[in-house]
């Protein structure tokens, strides 16, 4: 069984931390704006507005620090295996998760690059959609943070075509080899069907 193992690029860890920090800055900016607007109210005043800004700032820092600390272990927990019959995704910090995506269920492969991926980090995500997710938004599984996303896409697409080709009937005209008992049973069934057909025709 062939197995190719991939890890996200180290740029993906930087991207995670940048995104967490941008969200924290956006929340803080919203808190400052809200505090300033509230300070215009005579009943609340400047002190009330400053309290709102302080509370938002403290709460913002309380989730930002764990987010930054956990981004490293989360990044290190990610790995992807491309095998000849499925893709396996390993992820998890406290609870380890192993997700198997068999090729027989795959309906679509999609390469996705957002603005940060394209302009700053040179990364991409391979989304694998399956029959179980049809009609729903999103993908069954996503291989995130890949700096060689096109290479991984081509590998998965090649393995998928090989798997489906092996499952399809052959066009060579040769009979597949069967175990001795199965071949005899199929020959007997074929003879019986031919006999029934002759009786029906006469």
N, C-alpha and C. Protein backbone atom coordinates (compact mmCIF):
# COMPACT_ATOMS: atom_id res chain seq x y z
N UNK A 1 0.85 -1.20 0.00
CA UNK A 1 0.00 0.00 0.00
C UNK A 1 0.88 1.25 0.00
N UNK A 2 0.67 2.10 -0.99
CA UNK A 2 1.44 3.34 -1.06
C UNK A 2 0.87 4.35 -0.06
N UNK A 3 1.78 5.12 0.54
CA UNK A 3 1.35 6.16 1.49
C UNK A 3 2.28 7.35 1.37
N UNK A 4 1.70 8.51 1.13
CA UNK A 4 2.45 9.77 1.07
C UNK A 4 1.99 10.63 2.23
N UNK A 5 2.92 11.09 3.05
CA UNK A 5 2.58 11.88 4.24
C UNK A 5 2.97 13.33 4.01
N UNK A 6 2.06 14.24 4.34
CA UNK A 6 2.30 15.68 4.18
C UNK A 6 2.00 16.38 5.50
N UNK A 7 2.75 17.44 5.76
CA UNK A 7 2.50 18.31 6.91
C UNK A 7 2.24 19.72 6.39
N UNK A 8 1.45 20.52 7.12
CA UNK A 8 1.27 21.91 6.71
C UNK A 8 2.61 22.66 6.76
N UNK A 9 2.72 23.69 5.94
CA UNK A 9 3.91 24.53 5.93
C UNK A 9 4.03 25.30 7.24
N UNK A 10 5.26 25.64 7.61
CA UNK A 10 5.47 26.47 8.81
C UNK A 10 4.81 27.85 8.65
N UNK A 11 4.60 28.27 7.40
CA UNK A 11 3.90 29.54 7.15
C UNK A 11 2.46 29.49 7.67
N UNK A 12 1.89 28.27 7.74
CA UNK A 12 0.52 28.13 8.20
C UNK A 12 0.40 28.51 9.68
N UNK A 13 1.43 28.18 10.48
CA UNK A 13 1.42 28.58 11.90
C UNK A 13 1.45 30.10 12.02
N UNK A 14 2.26 30.74 11.18
CA UNK A 14 2.31 32.21 11.19
C UNK A 14 0.95 32.77 10.79
N UNK A 15 0.33 32.16 9.78
CA UNK A 15 -0.99 32.63 9.33
C UNK A 15 -2.02 32.49 10.46
N UNK A 16 -2.00 31.35 11.17
CA UNK A 16 -2.94 31.16 12.28
C UNK A 16 -2.80 32.28 13.30
N UNK A 17 -1.56 32.61 13.65
CA UNK A 17 -1.32 33.63 14.67
C UNK A 17 -1.68 35.02 14.17
N UNK A 18 -1.46 35.27 12.88
CA UNK A 18 -1.86 36.56 12.30
C UNK A 18 -3.37 36.70 12.32
N UNK A 19 -4.10 35.63 11.95
CA UNK A 19 -5.57 35.69 11.93
C UNK A 19 -6.11 35.89 13.34
N UNK A 20 -5.57 35.17 14.31
CA UNK A 20 -6.00 35.34 15.71
C UNK A 20 -5.77 36.78 16.16
N UNK A 21 -4.62 37.33 15.82
CA UNK A 21 -4.30 38.71 16.22
C UNK A 21 -5.19 39.72 15.52
N UNK A 22 -5.48 39.50 14.24
CA UNK A 22 -6.37 40.42 13.51
C UNK A 22 -7.78 40.42 14.11
N UNK A 23 -8.26 39.23 14.48
CA UNK A 23 -9.59 39.15 15.13
C UNK A 23 -9.56 39.88 16.46
N UNK A 24 -8.48 39.71 17.23
CA UNK A 24 -8.36 40.39 18.52
C UNK A 24 -8.34 41.90 18.34
N UNK A 25 -7.62 42.39 17.34
CA UNK A 25 -7.56 43.84 17.07
C UNK A 25 -8.94 44.35 16.65
N UNK A 26 -9.65 43.58 15.82
CA UNK A 26 -10.99 43.99 15.38
C UNK A 26 -11.95 44.07 16.57
N UNK A 27 -11.88 43.09 17.48
CA UNK A 27 -12.74 43.12 18.67
C UNK A 27 -12.40 44.32 19.55
N UNK A 28 -11.10 44.57 19.73
CA UNK A 28 -10.68 45.70 20.55
C UNK A 28 -11.12 47.03 19.93
N UNK A 29 -10.99 47.14 18.60
CA UNK A 29 -11.41 48.36 17.92
C UNK A 29 -12.92 48.57 18.07
N UNK A 30 -13.68 47.48 17.98
CA UNK A 30 -15.13 47.57 18.20
C UNK A 30 -15.46 48.00 19.61
N UNK A 31 -14.70 47.47 20.59
CA UNK A 31 -14.91 47.86 21.99
C UNK A 31 -14.59 49.32 22.23
N UNK A 32 -13.50 49.80 21.63
CA UNK A 32 -13.13 51.22 21.78
C UNK A 32 -14.20 52.11 21.16
N UNK A 33 -14.66 51.75 19.98
CA UNK A 33 -15.70 52.54 19.32
C UNK A 33 -16.98 52.57 20.16
N UNK A 34 -17.35 51.38 20.67
CA UNK A 34 -18.56 51.30 21.49
C UNK A 34 -18.39 52.14 22.77
N UNK A 35 -17.21 52.08 23.39
CA UNK A 35 -16.96 52.86 24.60
C UNK A 35 -17.02 54.35 24.33
N UNK A 36 -16.43 54.77 23.20
CA UNK A 36 -16.47 56.20 22.86
C UNK A 36 -17.89 56.68 22.60
N UNK A 37 -18.66 55.86 21.89
CA UNK A 37 -20.05 56.25 21.62
C UNK A 37 -20.87 56.29 22.91
N UNK A 38 -20.62 55.33 23.80
CA UNK A 38 -21.35 55.33 25.07
C UNK A 38 -20.95 56.51 25.95
N UNK A 39 -19.70 56.96 25.83
CA UNK A 39 -19.24 58.08 26.66
C UNK A 39 -19.93 59.39 26.28
N UNK A 40 -20.53 59.45 25.07
CA UNK A 40 -21.26 60.64 24.65
C UNK A 40 -22.60 60.76 25.37
N UNK A 41 -23.08 59.64 25.93
CA UNK A 41 -24.33 59.65 26.69
C UNK A 41 -24.06 60.32 28.04
N UNK A 42 -24.89 61.27 28.40
CA UNK A 42 -24.68 62.02 29.65
C UNK A 42 -24.77 61.12 30.88
N UNK A 43 -25.66 60.13 30.83
CA UNK A 43 -25.83 59.25 32.00
C UNK A 43 -24.61 58.35 32.20
N UNK A 44 -23.96 57.94 31.11
CA UNK A 44 -22.81 57.04 31.21
C UNK A 44 -21.53 57.83 31.41
N UNK A 45 -21.32 58.82 30.58
CA UNK A 45 -20.16 59.70 30.71
C UNK A 45 -18.87 59.04 30.27
N UNK A 46 -17.78 59.81 30.38
CA UNK A 46 -16.46 59.35 29.94
C UNK A 46 -15.98 58.16 30.76
N UNK A 47 -16.23 58.18 32.08
CA UNK A 47 -15.77 57.08 32.94
C UNK A 47 -16.47 55.77 32.57
N UNK A 48 -17.76 55.84 32.27
CA UNK A 48 -18.49 54.63 31.85
C UNK A 48 -17.95 54.08 30.53
N UNK A 49 -17.64 54.98 29.59
CA UNK A 49 -17.08 54.56 28.31
C UNK A 49 -15.72 53.91 28.47
N UNK A 50 -14.90 54.48 29.39
CA UNK A 50 -13.57 53.90 29.65
C UNK A 50 -13.68 52.52 30.29
N UNK A 51 -14.67 52.34 31.15
CA UNK A 51 -14.88 51.03 31.78
C UNK A 51 -15.24 49.99 30.71
N UNK A 52 -16.10 50.38 29.77
CA UNK A 52 -16.47 49.46 28.68
C UNK A 52 -15.23 49.08 27.87
N UNK A 53 -14.41 50.07 27.54
CA UNK A 53 -13.19 49.80 26.76
C UNK A 53 -12.26 48.87 27.54
N UNK A 54 -12.12 49.10 28.85
CA UNK A 54 -11.26 48.27 29.68
C UNK A 54 -11.76 46.83 29.75
N UNK A 55 -13.08 46.67 29.94
CA UNK A 55 -13.65 45.31 30.03
C UNK A 55 -13.46 44.57 28.72
N UNK A 56 -13.74 45.23 27.60
CA UNK A 56 -13.55 44.59 26.29
C UNK A 56 -12.09 44.22 26.08
N UNK A 57 -11.18 45.13 26.47
CA UNK A 57 -9.75 44.86 26.32
C UNK A 57 -9.29 43.65 27.13
N UNK A 58 -9.76 43.55 28.38
CA UNK A 58 -9.38 42.43 29.25
C UNK A 58 -9.92 41.12 28.69
N UNK A 59 -11.19 41.12 28.31
CA UNK A 59 -11.78 39.89 27.74
C UNK A 59 -11.08 39.50 26.44
N UNK A 60 -10.70 40.49 25.66
CA UNK A 60 -10.01 40.23 24.40
C UNK A 60 -8.67 39.54 24.65
N UNK A 61 -7.93 40.05 25.62
CA UNK A 61 -6.62 39.46 25.94
C UNK A 61 -6.79 38.06 26.52
N UNK A 62 -7.88 37.83 27.28
CA UNK A 62 -8.10 36.52 27.91
C UNK A 62 -8.33 35.40 26.91
N UNK A 63 -8.86 35.70 25.72
CA UNK A 63 -8.98 34.63 24.72
C UNK A 63 -7.81 34.66 23.74
N UNK A 64 -7.19 35.85 23.55
CA UNK A 64 -6.08 35.96 22.59
C UNK A 64 -4.86 35.16 23.04
N UNK A 65 -4.51 35.24 24.33
CA UNK A 65 -3.31 34.54 24.84
C UNK A 65 -3.45 33.02 24.68
N UNK A 66 -4.57 32.39 25.12
CA UNK A 66 -4.70 30.94 24.89
C UNK A 66 -4.72 30.59 23.40
N UNK A 67 -5.35 31.45 22.61
CA UNK A 67 -5.37 31.19 21.16
C UNK A 67 -3.97 31.14 20.57
N UNK A 68 -3.13 32.07 20.99
CA UNK A 68 -1.75 32.10 20.49
C UNK A 68 -0.96 30.90 21.01
N UNK A 69 -1.17 30.53 22.27
CA UNK A 69 -0.43 29.40 22.85
C UNK A 69 -0.86 28.07 22.23
N UNK A 70 -2.15 27.90 21.96
CA UNK A 70 -2.65 26.63 21.42
C UNK A 70 -2.43 26.48 19.92
N UNK A 71 -2.14 27.59 19.24
CA UNK A 71 -1.95 27.49 17.78
C UNK A 71 -0.75 26.62 17.43
N UNK A 72 0.31 26.65 18.26
CA UNK A 72 1.50 25.82 18.00
C UNK A 72 1.20 24.34 18.09
N UNK A 73 0.65 23.85 19.23
CA UNK A 73 0.30 22.43 19.31
C UNK A 73 -0.70 21.99 18.25
N UNK A 74 -1.68 22.86 17.93
CA UNK A 74 -2.65 22.51 16.89
C UNK A 74 -1.95 22.32 15.54
N UNK A 75 -1.06 23.24 15.21
CA UNK A 75 -0.31 23.14 13.95
C UNK A 75 0.51 21.86 13.90
N UNK A 76 1.19 21.54 15.00
CA UNK A 76 2.04 20.35 15.03
C UNK A 76 1.23 19.05 14.98
N UNK A 77 -0.04 19.11 15.39
CA UNK A 77 -0.87 17.89 15.38
C UNK A 77 -1.38 17.54 13.99
N UNK A 78 -1.32 18.49 13.05
CA UNK A 78 -1.87 18.26 11.71
C UNK A 78 -0.92 17.42 10.86
N UNK A 79 -1.46 16.38 10.24
CA UNK A 79 -0.72 15.65 9.20
C UNK A 79 -1.73 14.96 8.29
N UNK A 80 -1.32 14.75 7.05
CA UNK A 80 -2.20 14.19 6.03
C UNK A 80 -1.50 13.00 5.37
N UNK A 81 -2.26 11.91 5.20
CA UNK A 81 -1.75 10.74 4.50
C UNK A 81 -2.59 10.52 3.24
N UNK A 82 -1.92 10.43 2.10
CA UNK A 82 -2.60 10.10 0.85
C UNK A 82 -2.23 8.65 0.53
N UNK A 83 -3.21 7.76 0.62
CA UNK A 83 -2.98 6.35 0.34
C UNK A 83 -3.65 5.98 -0.98
N UNK A 84 -3.53 4.70 -1.37
CA UNK A 84 -4.08 4.31 -2.67
C UNK A 84 -5.58 4.08 -2.65
N UNK A 85 -6.22 4.13 -1.46
CA UNK A 85 -7.67 3.97 -1.41
C UNK A 85 -8.38 5.00 -0.54
N UNK A 86 -7.62 5.89 0.11
CA UNK A 86 -8.25 6.89 0.98
C UNK A 86 -7.24 7.98 1.34
N UNK A 87 -7.81 9.08 1.88
CA UNK A 87 -6.99 10.15 2.47
C UNK A 87 -7.29 10.15 3.97
N UNK A 88 -6.23 10.26 4.77
CA UNK A 88 -6.38 10.24 6.23
C UNK A 88 -5.85 11.57 6.78
N UNK A 89 -6.66 12.19 7.64
CA UNK A 89 -6.28 13.47 8.26
C UNK A 89 -6.15 13.25 9.76
N UNK A 90 -4.97 13.60 10.31
CA UNK A 90 -4.72 13.52 11.75
C UNK A 90 -4.73 14.94 12.30
N UNK A 91 -5.48 15.16 13.39
CA UNK A 91 -5.54 16.48 14.01
C UNK A 91 -5.98 16.33 15.45
N UNK A 92 -5.61 17.30 16.28
CA UNK A 92 -6.11 17.30 17.65
C UNK A 92 -5.03 17.63 18.66
N UNK A 93 -5.40 18.40 19.67
CA UNK A 93 -4.45 18.76 20.73
C UNK A 93 -4.68 17.83 21.93
N UNK A 94 -5.80 17.96 22.57
CA UNK A 94 -6.11 17.08 23.70
C UNK A 94 -6.76 15.79 23.22
N UNK A 95 -7.71 15.91 22.32
CA UNK A 95 -8.36 14.75 21.73
C UNK A 95 -7.84 14.57 20.32
N UNK A 96 -7.17 13.47 20.07
CA UNK A 96 -6.63 13.19 18.74
C UNK A 96 -7.74 12.64 17.86
N UNK A 97 -7.85 13.20 16.67
CA UNK A 97 -8.87 12.77 15.72
C UNK A 97 -8.19 12.24 14.45
N UNK A 98 -8.66 11.10 13.97
CA UNK A 98 -8.17 10.53 12.72
C UNK A 98 -9.37 10.37 11.80
N UNK A 99 -9.38 11.12 10.71
CA UNK A 99 -10.52 11.12 9.79
C UNK A 99 -10.13 10.41 8.51
N UNK A 100 -10.89 9.38 8.13
CA UNK A 100 -10.66 8.63 6.91
C UNK A 100 -11.66 9.07 5.85
N UNK A 101 -11.15 9.41 4.68
CA UNK A 101 -12.02 9.79 3.55
C UNK A 101 -11.75 8.80 2.41
N UNK A 102 -12.58 7.75 2.29
CA UNK A 102 -12.36 6.76 1.23
C UNK A 102 -12.65 7.35 -0.15
N UNK A 103 -11.86 6.94 -1.15
CA UNK A 103 -12.04 7.46 -2.51
C UNK A 103 -13.41 7.10 -3.08
N UNK A 104 -14.01 6.00 -2.63
CA UNK A 104 -15.30 5.60 -3.19
C UNK A 104 -16.40 6.61 -2.88
N UNK A 105 -16.17 7.48 -1.85
CA UNK A 105 -17.19 8.48 -1.50
C UNK A 105 -16.88 9.87 -2.04
N UNK A 106 -15.69 10.06 -2.63
CA UNK A 106 -15.27 11.39 -3.06
C UNK A 106 -16.02 11.81 -4.32
N UNK A 107 -16.59 13.02 -4.30
CA UNK A 107 -17.31 13.55 -5.46
C UNK A 107 -16.58 14.71 -6.12
N UNK A 108 -15.72 15.41 -5.37
CA UNK A 108 -15.06 16.58 -5.94
C UNK A 108 -13.82 16.95 -5.13
N UNK A 109 -12.83 17.47 -5.84
CA UNK A 109 -11.63 18.03 -5.21
C UNK A 109 -11.57 19.51 -5.57
N UNK A 110 -11.22 20.35 -4.61
CA UNK A 110 -11.19 21.79 -4.86
C UNK A 110 -9.98 22.41 -4.15
N UNK A 111 -9.21 23.17 -4.91
CA UNK A 111 -8.09 23.93 -4.34
C UNK A 111 -8.60 25.33 -4.01
N UNK A 112 -8.34 25.76 -2.78
CA UNK A 112 -8.82 27.08 -2.34
C UNK A 112 -7.65 27.88 -1.79
N UNK A 113 -7.57 29.15 -2.20
CA UNK A 113 -6.56 30.08 -1.67
C UNK A 113 -7.25 31.39 -1.35
N UNK A 114 -7.22 31.79 -0.08
CA UNK A 114 -7.82 33.08 0.27
C UNK A 114 -6.80 34.19 0.05
N UNK A 115 -7.17 35.42 0.37
CA UNK A 115 -6.30 36.57 0.10
C UNK A 115 -4.98 36.45 0.85
N UNK A 116 -5.04 36.07 2.12
CA UNK A 116 -3.80 35.92 2.89
C UNK A 116 -2.92 34.84 2.29
N UNK A 117 -3.54 33.73 1.86
CA UNK A 117 -2.77 32.64 1.24
C UNK A 117 -2.05 33.11 -0.01
N UNK A 118 -2.76 33.85 -0.86
CA UNK A 118 -2.19 34.25 -2.15
C UNK A 118 -1.16 35.37 -2.00
N UNK A 119 -1.47 36.38 -1.23
CA UNK A 119 -0.65 37.58 -1.20
C UNK A 119 0.53 37.50 -0.23
N UNK A 120 0.39 36.75 0.86
CA UNK A 120 1.41 36.81 1.90
C UNK A 120 2.11 35.48 2.20
N UNK A 121 1.38 34.38 2.17
CA UNK A 121 1.95 33.14 2.70
C UNK A 121 2.24 32.07 1.64
N UNK A 122 1.69 32.19 0.45
CA UNK A 122 1.93 31.19 -0.59
C UNK A 122 1.38 29.82 -0.23
N UNK A 123 0.22 29.80 0.41
CA UNK A 123 -0.39 28.55 0.87
C UNK A 123 -1.66 28.24 0.09
N UNK A 124 -2.20 27.07 0.33
CA UNK A 124 -3.47 26.68 -0.26
C UNK A 124 -4.10 25.58 0.57
N UNK A 125 -5.38 25.35 0.32
CA UNK A 125 -6.15 24.31 1.00
C UNK A 125 -6.76 23.40 -0.04
N UNK A 126 -6.67 22.09 0.19
CA UNK A 126 -7.33 21.12 -0.68
C UNK A 126 -8.59 20.64 0.03
N UNK A 127 -9.74 20.98 -0.53
CA UNK A 127 -11.03 20.54 0.02
C UNK A 127 -11.45 19.26 -0.69
N UNK A 128 -11.82 18.26 0.10
CA UNK A 128 -12.29 16.98 -0.44
C UNK A 128 -13.77 16.87 -0.11
N UNK A 129 -14.60 16.89 -1.15
CA UNK A 129 -16.04 16.78 -0.96
C UNK A 129 -16.49 15.35 -1.24
N UNK A 130 -17.47 14.90 -0.46
CA UNK A 130 -17.92 13.51 -0.60
C UNK A 130 -19.42 13.46 -0.81
N UNK A 131 -19.89 12.28 -1.16
CA UNK A 131 -21.33 12.09 -1.40
C UNK A 131 -22.13 12.38 -0.13
N UNK A 132 -21.56 12.11 1.03
CA UNK A 132 -22.26 12.37 2.28
C UNK A 132 -22.46 13.84 2.56
N UNK A 133 -21.70 14.71 1.90
CA UNK A 133 -21.81 16.15 2.13
C UNK A 133 -22.54 16.85 1.00
N UNK A 134 -23.10 16.10 0.05
CA UNK A 134 -23.78 16.75 -1.08
C UNK A 134 -24.97 17.55 -0.57
N UNK A 135 -25.14 18.72 -1.12
CA UNK A 135 -26.23 19.60 -0.71
C UNK A 135 -25.90 20.42 0.52
N UNK A 136 -24.73 20.21 1.11
CA UNK A 136 -24.33 20.99 2.26
C UNK A 136 -23.13 21.85 1.89
N UNK A 137 -22.98 22.95 2.62
CA UNK A 137 -21.83 23.81 2.38
C UNK A 137 -20.61 23.21 3.04
N UNK A 138 -19.46 23.48 2.45
CA UNK A 138 -18.22 23.00 3.04
C UNK A 138 -17.78 21.67 2.46
N UNK A 139 -16.70 21.16 3.00
CA UNK A 139 -16.11 19.93 2.51
C UNK A 139 -16.12 18.89 3.62
N UNK A 140 -16.05 17.63 3.22
CA UNK A 140 -15.93 16.54 4.18
C UNK A 140 -14.65 16.69 4.98
N UNK A 141 -13.56 17.01 4.28
CA UNK A 141 -12.28 17.21 4.94
C UNK A 141 -11.46 18.22 4.17
N UNK A 142 -10.64 18.97 4.88
CA UNK A 142 -9.79 20.00 4.26
C UNK A 142 -8.35 19.77 4.68
N UNK A 143 -7.46 19.77 3.70
CA UNK A 143 -6.03 19.68 3.95
C UNK A 143 -5.49 21.11 3.89
N UNK A 144 -5.31 21.72 5.05
CA UNK A 144 -5.01 23.15 5.13
C UNK A 144 -3.51 23.40 5.22
N UNK A 145 -3.12 24.63 4.85
CA UNK A 145 -1.76 25.10 5.09
C UNK A 145 -0.69 24.48 4.21
N UNK A 146 -1.06 24.05 3.01
CA UNK A 146 -0.11 23.38 2.13
C UNK A 146 0.60 24.38 1.22
N UNK A 147 1.94 24.37 1.23
CA UNK A 147 2.66 25.22 0.29
C UNK A 147 2.81 24.53 -1.06
N UNK A 148 2.55 23.22 -1.10
CA UNK A 148 2.59 22.44 -2.35
C UNK A 148 1.20 21.90 -2.68
N UNK A 149 0.18 22.75 -2.53
CA UNK A 149 -1.20 22.30 -2.65
C UNK A 149 -1.49 21.73 -4.04
N UNK A 150 -0.88 22.28 -5.09
CA UNK A 150 -1.13 21.77 -6.44
C UNK A 150 -0.56 20.36 -6.59
N UNK A 151 0.61 20.13 -6.01
CA UNK A 151 1.22 18.79 -6.04
C UNK A 151 0.34 17.77 -5.31
N UNK A 152 -0.17 18.15 -4.13
CA UNK A 152 -1.03 17.25 -3.37
C UNK A 152 -2.33 17.01 -4.12
N UNK A 153 -2.88 18.06 -4.73
CA UNK A 153 -4.10 17.91 -5.54
C UNK A 153 -3.89 16.89 -6.65
N UNK A 154 -2.79 17.03 -7.39
CA UNK A 154 -2.52 16.13 -8.50
C UNK A 154 -2.30 14.70 -8.02
N UNK A 155 -1.65 14.54 -6.86
CA UNK A 155 -1.45 13.21 -6.30
C UNK A 155 -2.78 12.56 -5.93
N UNK A 156 -3.64 13.32 -5.22
CA UNK A 156 -4.94 12.77 -4.83
C UNK A 156 -5.79 12.47 -6.07
N UNK A 157 -5.78 13.39 -7.05
CA UNK A 157 -6.55 13.17 -8.28
C UNK A 157 -6.06 11.93 -9.01
N UNK A 158 -4.74 11.72 -9.07
CA UNK A 158 -4.18 10.54 -9.74
C UNK A 158 -4.58 9.27 -9.01
N UNK A 159 -4.46 9.28 -7.68
CA UNK A 159 -4.85 8.09 -6.91
C UNK A 159 -6.35 7.83 -7.04
N UNK A 160 -7.14 8.89 -7.09
CA UNK A 160 -8.58 8.74 -7.24
C UNK A 160 -8.93 8.12 -8.59
N UNK A 161 -8.27 8.60 -9.67
CA UNK A 161 -8.50 8.01 -11.00
C UNK A 161 -8.05 6.55 -11.04
N UNK A 162 -6.92 6.25 -10.42
CA UNK A 162 -6.42 4.87 -10.39
C UNK A 162 -7.40 3.98 -9.64
N UNK A 163 -7.91 4.46 -8.51
CA UNK A 163 -8.86 3.68 -7.72
C UNK A 163 -10.13 3.41 -8.50
N UNK A 164 -10.65 4.46 -9.15
CA UNK A 164 -11.89 4.28 -9.91
C UNK A 164 -11.67 3.41 -11.14
N UNK A 165 -10.49 3.50 -11.76
CA UNK A 165 -10.17 2.65 -12.90
C UNK A 165 -10.09 1.20 -12.49
N UNK A 166 -9.56 0.93 -11.30
CA UNK A 166 -9.47 -0.45 -10.82
C UNK A 166 -10.85 -1.00 -10.48
N UNK A 167 -11.77 -0.11 -10.07
CA UNK A 167 -13.12 -0.56 -9.72
C UNK A 167 -14.00 -0.74 -10.95
N UNK A 168 -13.63 -0.08 -12.08
CA UNK A 168 -14.47 -0.15 -13.28
C UNK A 168 -14.21 -1.45 -14.01
N UNK A 169 -15.21 -1.91 -14.82
CA UNK A 169 -14.99 -3.12 -15.63
C UNK A 169 -13.86 -2.87 -16.63
N UNK A 170 -13.05 -3.89 -16.88
CA UNK A 170 -11.95 -3.73 -17.82
C UNK A 170 -12.46 -3.77 -19.25
N UNK A 171 -11.78 -3.07 -20.12
CA UNK A 171 -12.17 -3.05 -21.53
C UNK A 171 -11.30 -3.93 -22.39
N UNK A 172 -10.54 -4.87 -21.78
CA UNK A 172 -9.62 -5.70 -22.55
C UNK A 172 -10.29 -6.90 -23.16
N UNK A 173 -11.49 -7.23 -22.68
CA UNK A 173 -12.17 -8.41 -23.19
C UNK A 173 -11.73 -9.68 -22.50
N UNK A 174 -10.75 -9.61 -21.60
CA UNK A 174 -10.30 -10.79 -20.88
C UNK A 174 -11.17 -11.01 -19.67
N UNK A 175 -11.43 -12.27 -19.37
CA UNK A 175 -12.21 -12.60 -18.20
C UNK A 175 -11.34 -12.46 -16.96
N UNK A 176 -11.83 -11.85 -15.90
CA UNK A 176 -11.04 -11.76 -14.68
C UNK A 176 -10.84 -13.14 -14.06
N UNK A 177 -9.70 -13.28 -13.39
CA UNK A 177 -9.43 -14.55 -12.74
C UNK A 177 -10.23 -14.64 -11.46
N UNK A 178 -10.87 -15.81 -11.27
CA UNK A 178 -11.68 -16.03 -10.08
C UNK A 178 -11.18 -17.26 -9.35
N UNK A 179 -11.44 -17.36 -8.07
CA UNK A 179 -11.10 -18.59 -7.36
C UNK A 179 -11.83 -19.77 -8.00
N UNK A 180 -11.27 -20.97 -7.86
CA UNK A 180 -11.82 -22.17 -8.51
C UNK A 180 -13.29 -22.38 -8.26
N UNK A 181 -13.75 -22.32 -7.02
CA UNK A 181 -15.16 -22.54 -6.68
C UNK A 181 -16.06 -21.49 -7.32
N UNK A 182 -15.63 -20.23 -7.29
CA UNK A 182 -16.45 -19.15 -7.85
C UNK A 182 -16.59 -19.30 -9.35
N UNK A 183 -15.49 -19.68 -10.03
CA UNK A 183 -15.55 -19.84 -11.49
C UNK A 183 -16.52 -20.95 -11.87
N UNK A 184 -16.50 -22.05 -11.13
CA UNK A 184 -17.42 -23.15 -11.42
C UNK A 184 -18.87 -22.77 -11.17
N UNK A 185 -19.10 -22.04 -10.09
CA UNK A 185 -20.46 -21.60 -9.76
C UNK A 185 -21.00 -20.66 -10.82
N UNK A 186 -20.16 -19.71 -11.26
CA UNK A 186 -20.60 -18.77 -12.30
C UNK A 186 -20.88 -19.49 -13.62
N UNK A 187 -20.07 -20.48 -13.95
CA UNK A 187 -20.30 -21.25 -15.19
C UNK A 187 -21.63 -21.99 -15.11
N UNK A 188 -21.94 -22.56 -13.94
CA UNK A 188 -23.21 -23.28 -13.77
C UNK A 188 -24.39 -22.32 -13.88
N UNK A 189 -24.27 -21.13 -13.30
CA UNK A 189 -25.35 -20.13 -13.39
C UNK A 189 -25.54 -19.71 -14.84
N UNK A 190 -24.44 -19.50 -15.57
CA UNK A 190 -24.52 -19.10 -16.97
C UNK A 190 -25.22 -20.17 -17.80
N UNK A 191 -24.89 -21.43 -17.57
CA UNK A 191 -25.56 -22.53 -18.29
C UNK A 191 -27.05 -22.56 -18.00
N UNK A 192 -27.40 -22.32 -16.74
CA UNK A 192 -28.82 -22.33 -16.34
C UNK A 192 -29.57 -21.19 -17.03
N UNK A 193 -28.95 -19.99 -17.07
CA UNK A 193 -29.60 -18.84 -17.72
C UNK A 193 -29.77 -19.11 -19.21
N UNK A 194 -28.78 -19.71 -19.85
CA UNK A 194 -28.90 -20.04 -21.27
C UNK A 194 -30.01 -21.05 -21.51
N UNK A 195 -30.15 -22.04 -20.61
CA UNK A 195 -31.22 -23.03 -20.74
C UNK A 195 -32.59 -22.37 -20.63
N UNK A 196 -32.74 -21.44 -19.67
CA UNK A 196 -34.02 -20.73 -19.50
C UNK A 196 -34.32 -19.91 -20.74
N UNK A 197 -33.31 -19.27 -21.29
CA UNK A 197 -33.53 -18.46 -22.49
C UNK A 197 -33.99 -19.32 -23.66
N UNK A 198 -33.37 -20.50 -23.83
CA UNK A 198 -33.79 -21.40 -24.92
C UNK A 198 -35.22 -21.83 -24.76
N UNK A 199 -35.63 -22.15 -23.53
CA UNK A 199 -37.04 -22.56 -23.28
C UNK A 199 -38.01 -21.43 -23.58
N UNK A 200 -37.63 -20.21 -23.19
CA UNK A 200 -38.50 -19.05 -23.44
C UNK A 200 -38.64 -18.78 -24.94
N UNK A 201 -37.54 -18.95 -25.67
CA UNK A 201 -37.59 -18.69 -27.11
C UNK A 201 -38.40 -19.74 -27.85
N UNK A 202 -38.40 -20.99 -27.34
CA UNK A 202 -39.18 -22.05 -28.00
C UNK A 202 -40.59 -22.06 -27.43
